[in-house]
N, C-alpha and C. Protein backbone atom coordinates (compact mmCIF):
# COMPACT_ATOMS: atom_id res chain seq x y z
N MET A 1 -33.77 37.09 -29.65
CA MET A 1 -32.71 36.92 -30.64
C MET A 1 -31.36 36.74 -30.38
N LEU A 2 -30.89 35.94 -30.77
CA LEU A 2 -29.45 35.19 -30.75
C LEU A 2 -28.64 36.03 -31.66
N LEU A 3 -27.49 36.48 -30.89
CA LEU A 3 -26.49 37.10 -31.63
C LEU A 3 -25.78 36.31 -32.56
N PRO A 4 -25.68 36.42 -33.91
CA PRO A 4 -25.27 35.55 -34.72
C PRO A 4 -23.29 35.37 -34.57
N LEU A 5 -22.73 36.23 -33.97
CA LEU A 5 -21.33 36.36 -33.36
C LEU A 5 -20.81 35.81 -32.30
N CYS A 6 -22.18 35.33 -31.49
CA CYS A 6 -21.64 34.62 -30.03
C CYS A 6 -21.96 33.13 -30.08
N PRO A 7 -21.06 32.05 -30.41
CA PRO A 7 -21.22 30.78 -30.23
C PRO A 7 -21.67 30.03 -29.29
N PHE A 8 -21.58 30.52 -27.90
CA PHE A 8 -22.19 30.28 -26.73
C PHE A 8 -23.54 30.73 -26.39
N THR A 9 -24.27 29.68 -25.90
CA THR A 9 -25.40 29.95 -25.36
C THR A 9 -25.37 29.43 -23.69
N ALA A 10 -26.11 29.83 -23.22
CA ALA A 10 -26.29 29.61 -21.60
C ALA A 10 -26.32 28.27 -21.39
N ALA A 11 -27.07 27.62 -22.19
CA ALA A 11 -26.93 25.70 -21.93
C ALA A 11 -25.65 25.40 -21.93
N ARG A 12 -25.19 26.03 -23.21
CA ARG A 12 -23.48 25.39 -23.68
C ARG A 12 -22.75 25.67 -22.31
N ILE A 13 -22.63 26.83 -22.05
CA ILE A 13 -21.81 27.36 -20.89
C ILE A 13 -21.92 26.54 -19.58
N ALA A 14 -23.27 26.39 -19.34
CA ALA A 14 -23.65 25.68 -18.20
C ALA A 14 -23.30 24.26 -18.28
N GLY A 15 -23.45 23.54 -19.13
CA GLY A 15 -22.93 22.27 -19.65
C GLY A 15 -21.29 21.96 -19.85
N LEU A 16 -20.55 23.13 -20.04
CA LEU A 16 -19.15 23.25 -19.83
C LEU A 16 -18.81 23.26 -18.65
N GLN A 17 -19.52 24.03 -17.93
CA GLN A 17 -19.16 24.19 -16.27
C GLN A 17 -19.30 22.81 -15.73
N ALA A 18 -20.60 22.29 -15.81
CA ALA A 18 -20.63 21.08 -15.17
C ALA A 18 -19.56 19.83 -15.53
N THR A 19 -19.27 19.81 -16.91
CA THR A 19 -18.18 18.97 -17.50
C THR A 19 -16.83 19.18 -16.56
N VAL A 20 -16.36 20.45 -16.61
CA VAL A 20 -15.13 20.95 -15.76
C VAL A 20 -15.31 20.45 -14.16
N LEU A 21 -16.53 20.62 -13.82
CA LEU A 21 -16.81 20.50 -12.28
C LEU A 21 -16.48 18.91 -12.13
N LEU A 22 -17.12 18.15 -13.17
CA LEU A 22 -17.16 16.65 -12.79
C LEU A 22 -15.30 16.07 -13.08
N LEU A 23 -14.94 16.78 -13.88
CA LEU A 23 -13.47 16.20 -14.23
C LEU A 23 -12.57 16.89 -12.87
N LEU A 24 -12.95 17.79 -12.66
CA LEU A 24 -11.98 18.06 -11.25
C LEU A 24 -12.32 17.27 -9.92
N THR A 25 -13.79 17.00 -10.07
CA THR A 25 -14.21 15.84 -8.79
C THR A 25 -13.38 14.60 -9.09
N LEU A 26 -13.49 14.26 -10.41
CA LEU A 26 -12.92 12.74 -10.59
C LEU A 26 -11.06 13.00 -10.30
N LEU A 27 -10.36 14.07 -10.91
CA LEU A 27 -9.14 14.18 -10.51
C LEU A 27 -8.99 14.06 -8.97
N ILE A 28 -9.55 14.75 -8.20
CA ILE A 28 -9.39 14.70 -6.95
C ILE A 28 -9.85 13.58 -6.46
N LYS A 29 -10.60 12.85 -6.52
CA LYS A 29 -11.18 11.51 -6.26
C LYS A 29 -9.88 10.58 -6.33
N ALA A 30 -9.29 10.48 -7.84
CA ALA A 30 -8.33 9.68 -8.09
C ALA A 30 -6.90 9.90 -7.43
N ARG A 31 -6.83 11.23 -7.15
CA ARG A 31 -5.35 11.60 -6.22
C ARG A 31 -5.62 10.85 -4.78
N VAL A 32 -6.85 11.20 -4.21
CA VAL A 32 -7.09 10.66 -2.99
C VAL A 32 -7.04 9.41 -2.68
N GLN A 33 -7.36 8.20 -4.04
CA GLN A 33 -7.42 7.06 -3.93
C GLN A 33 -5.81 6.76 -4.15
N ILE A 34 -5.20 7.32 -4.85
CA ILE A 34 -3.73 6.98 -5.05
C ILE A 34 -2.62 6.95 -3.66
N LYS A 35 -3.26 8.07 -3.19
CA LYS A 35 -2.78 8.24 -1.97
C LYS A 35 -3.08 6.95 -0.88
N ALA A 36 -4.36 6.81 -0.75
CA ALA A 36 -4.78 5.65 0.02
C ALA A 36 -4.12 4.61 -0.06
N ALA A 37 -3.95 4.20 -1.35
CA ALA A 37 -3.62 2.90 -1.92
C ALA A 37 -1.99 2.94 -1.71
N SER A 38 -1.27 3.90 -1.77
CA SER A 38 0.21 3.98 -1.35
C SER A 38 0.49 3.75 0.08
N ALA A 39 -0.32 4.46 0.74
CA ALA A 39 -0.17 4.32 2.52
C ALA A 39 -0.75 2.95 2.81
N LEU A 40 -1.72 2.36 2.27
CA LEU A 40 -2.07 0.94 2.31
C LEU A 40 -0.70 -0.18 1.96
N GLY A 41 -0.14 0.18 0.45
CA GLY A 41 0.74 -0.58 0.62
C GLY A 41 2.00 -0.54 1.34
N LEU A 42 2.19 0.79 1.89
CA LEU A 42 3.33 1.07 2.67
C LEU A 42 3.08 0.15 4.21
N ALA A 43 1.68 0.41 4.47
CA ALA A 43 1.55 -0.39 5.86
C ALA A 43 1.73 -1.93 5.76
N LEU A 44 1.23 -2.71 4.30
CA LEU A 44 1.52 -4.07 4.26
C LEU A 44 2.66 -3.98 4.00
N LEU A 45 3.71 -3.51 3.47
CA LEU A 45 5.01 -3.66 3.13
C LEU A 45 5.68 -3.77 4.55
N ALA A 46 5.73 -2.97 5.15
CA ALA A 46 5.94 -2.95 6.91
C ALA A 46 5.43 -4.19 7.59
N LEU A 47 4.17 -4.40 7.40
CA LEU A 47 3.66 -5.57 8.15
C LEU A 47 4.61 -6.95 7.64
N GLN A 48 4.69 -6.70 6.38
CA GLN A 48 5.11 -8.17 5.75
C GLN A 48 6.76 -8.27 6.19
N THR A 49 7.77 -7.12 6.49
CA THR A 49 8.91 -6.91 6.75
C THR A 49 8.89 -7.36 8.39
N LEU A 50 8.02 -6.95 9.24
CA LEU A 50 7.85 -7.51 10.37
C LEU A 50 8.12 -9.01 10.70
N VAL A 51 6.91 -9.51 10.01
CA VAL A 51 6.66 -10.62 10.01
C VAL A 51 7.77 -11.83 9.51
N PHE A 52 8.56 -11.14 8.37
CA PHE A 52 9.52 -12.07 8.01
C PHE A 52 10.71 -11.94 9.11
N LEU A 53 11.02 -10.54 9.51
CA LEU A 53 12.16 -11.03 10.74
C LEU A 53 11.55 -11.34 11.98
N ALA A 54 10.25 -11.61 12.27
CA ALA A 54 10.08 -12.56 13.56
C ALA A 54 10.22 -14.02 12.92
N ALA A 55 9.73 -14.37 11.84
CA ALA A 55 9.95 -15.74 11.46
C ALA A 55 11.52 -16.16 11.27
N ALA A 56 12.14 -15.22 10.89
CA ALA A 56 13.92 -15.66 10.81
C ALA A 56 14.25 -15.47 12.09
N GLY A 57 13.77 -14.35 13.04
CA GLY A 57 14.11 -14.58 14.48
C GLY A 57 14.05 -15.81 15.05
N ALA A 58 12.55 -16.25 14.88
CA ALA A 58 12.32 -17.49 15.71
C ALA A 58 13.03 -18.65 15.01
N LEU A 59 13.44 -18.56 13.76
CA LEU A 59 14.30 -19.83 13.16
C LEU A 59 15.56 -19.83 13.90
N GLY A 60 16.07 -18.61 13.93
CA GLY A 60 17.62 -18.43 14.42
C GLY A 60 17.72 -18.90 15.95
N LEU A 61 16.54 -18.75 16.60
CA LEU A 61 16.49 -19.14 17.92
C LEU A 61 16.39 -20.77 18.17
N VAL A 62 15.61 -21.43 17.33
CA VAL A 62 15.61 -22.62 17.48
C VAL A 62 16.74 -23.32 16.84
N ALA A 63 17.50 -22.89 15.77
CA ALA A 63 18.77 -23.39 15.49
C ALA A 63 19.80 -23.08 16.38
N ILE A 64 19.64 -22.05 17.50
CA ILE A 64 20.54 -21.62 18.67
C ILE A 64 20.54 -22.86 19.73
N GLY A 65 19.20 -23.06 19.70
CA GLY A 65 18.58 -23.84 20.91
C GLY A 65 18.97 -25.22 20.71
N GLY A 66 19.20 -25.75 19.49
CA GLY A 66 19.25 -27.06 18.85
C GLY A 66 20.88 -27.05 18.83
N ALA A 67 21.51 -26.55 18.69
CA ALA A 67 22.91 -26.24 18.65
C ALA A 67 23.33 -26.52 20.09
N ALA A 68 22.84 -25.98 21.00
CA ALA A 68 23.29 -25.78 22.45
C ALA A 68 22.70 -27.11 23.13
N LEU A 69 21.65 -27.69 22.63
CA LEU A 69 21.03 -29.06 23.19
C LEU A 69 22.00 -30.13 22.86
N ALA A 70 22.43 -30.12 21.48
CA ALA A 70 23.32 -31.18 20.96
C ALA A 70 24.73 -31.31 21.33
N LEU A 71 25.29 -29.71 21.73
CA LEU A 71 26.19 -29.73 22.36
C LEU A 71 26.64 -30.04 23.85
N ASN A 72 25.73 -30.00 24.50
CA ASN A 72 25.41 -30.26 26.13
C ASN A 72 24.91 -31.84 26.27
N ARG A 73 24.61 -32.78 25.26
CA ARG A 73 24.15 -33.55 25.70
C ARG A 73 25.22 -34.54 26.14
N PRO A 74 24.87 -35.57 26.86
CA PRO A 74 26.12 -36.40 27.66
C PRO A 74 26.42 -37.41 26.54
N ARG A 75 27.93 -37.35 26.32
CA ARG A 75 28.41 -38.56 25.51
C ARG A 75 28.84 -39.67 26.19
N PRO A 76 28.35 -41.02 25.40
CA PRO A 76 28.38 -42.05 26.07
C PRO A 76 30.20 -42.38 26.25
N ALA A 77 30.33 -43.03 27.32
CA ALA A 77 32.02 -43.29 27.76
C ALA A 77 32.37 -44.15 26.54
N ALA A 78 33.85 -43.82 26.69
CA ALA A 78 34.60 -44.64 25.54
C ALA A 78 35.14 -46.00 26.13
N ALA A 79 34.94 -46.95 25.33
CA ALA A 79 35.10 -48.45 26.12
C ALA A 79 37.06 -48.72 25.92
């Protein structure tokens, strides 16, 4: 016999518990994914910065080498 003053049944309570467990699981999964994506983003940003610095350094070395080569070229004798 059901109690008329109790709106919750065992099935409804079990359903609520399953829903809460599912929502908590999804929340934890989302937080883990956010942290993983953030770490990946930071790693890619560091890689991009290192590649940019390496390219800028190589370009600077080429420019310095070209300037040194141009300045050390023998000049033709003036007539």
